[in-house]
Amino acid sequence: MRGERTTAVFDMDGVLVDSGNLHREAWRRLCQEEGVPLEDPEFWRFTIGRRTEEALPVILGRPLEPEERVRLTTRRIALYHELLQKQTVPVPGVTTFLNDLRIRGVACGLATAALPISVNVTLDALGLADAFAARVTSADVACGKPDPEVYRVAARRLGVPPGDCVAFDDAPVGIKAARAAGMAVVGLATGHTPSELIAAGADMAIRDFLAIGWSEVSKL
């Protein structure tokens, strides 16, 4: 039987910040600007955990040239930042949970599909700029989730094997990435149902951090 895990690695959107509504609205505004109707009300599910540049061709329904992909990615992120600056809502209990990890001496890392600028804006708004000993963003990896690269890089920067880590992610693609990296996984049901997260490979699913403690998840 393995010992308790020593390290925590967090996704950002939907885990630290309850940003789902803001991302959905940013996508809606972008599609409106581009004259693309969003006929599927569940379109946003595909975007969760994926890099904007990867989701764009699917959401817009057409292939994109590299220059257009960059332009639309930049615009989508700008729309999101405009919304984020007006309303930043942390996932309930996450600040207290992270503070408890700090007191316990549990090293924490960030593994997100977001761009560095989005990470900086979000963590500053949440007051969590100093909460993570290592940050890994989309700029640091060649492959997005569900590829395990982002979680493997996070573990390497934290100086621990992936098997010593518990990952917190809200998307099936992120859960699959963390599981493939060799981490235990806690799913945050902020955008998907608990059953969807368990089916993707999460060891457990929670709706927020209000009723969870490190002593419980470190034993996963």
Foldseek 3Di string as FASTA:
>chain_A
DDDFFFAEEEEDDLAFWLQLVLLVVLLVVLCVVVVADQPDPLLSLVVFQAAQLVSVCVRRVHDDDPVVSVVSSVSSVVSSLVVCVVDTGTFPPPVVQLVVCVVVVRAYEYQYADDPVVVVSNCVVVVNPPSHPYYFYNVNDDDTFVALVSLCVRCVSVPHQLLSYEYEGAHLRVQNNSVVSNHAYEHAPSPHDQVVNVVSPHPGYDPGNPPDHSVVRSVD
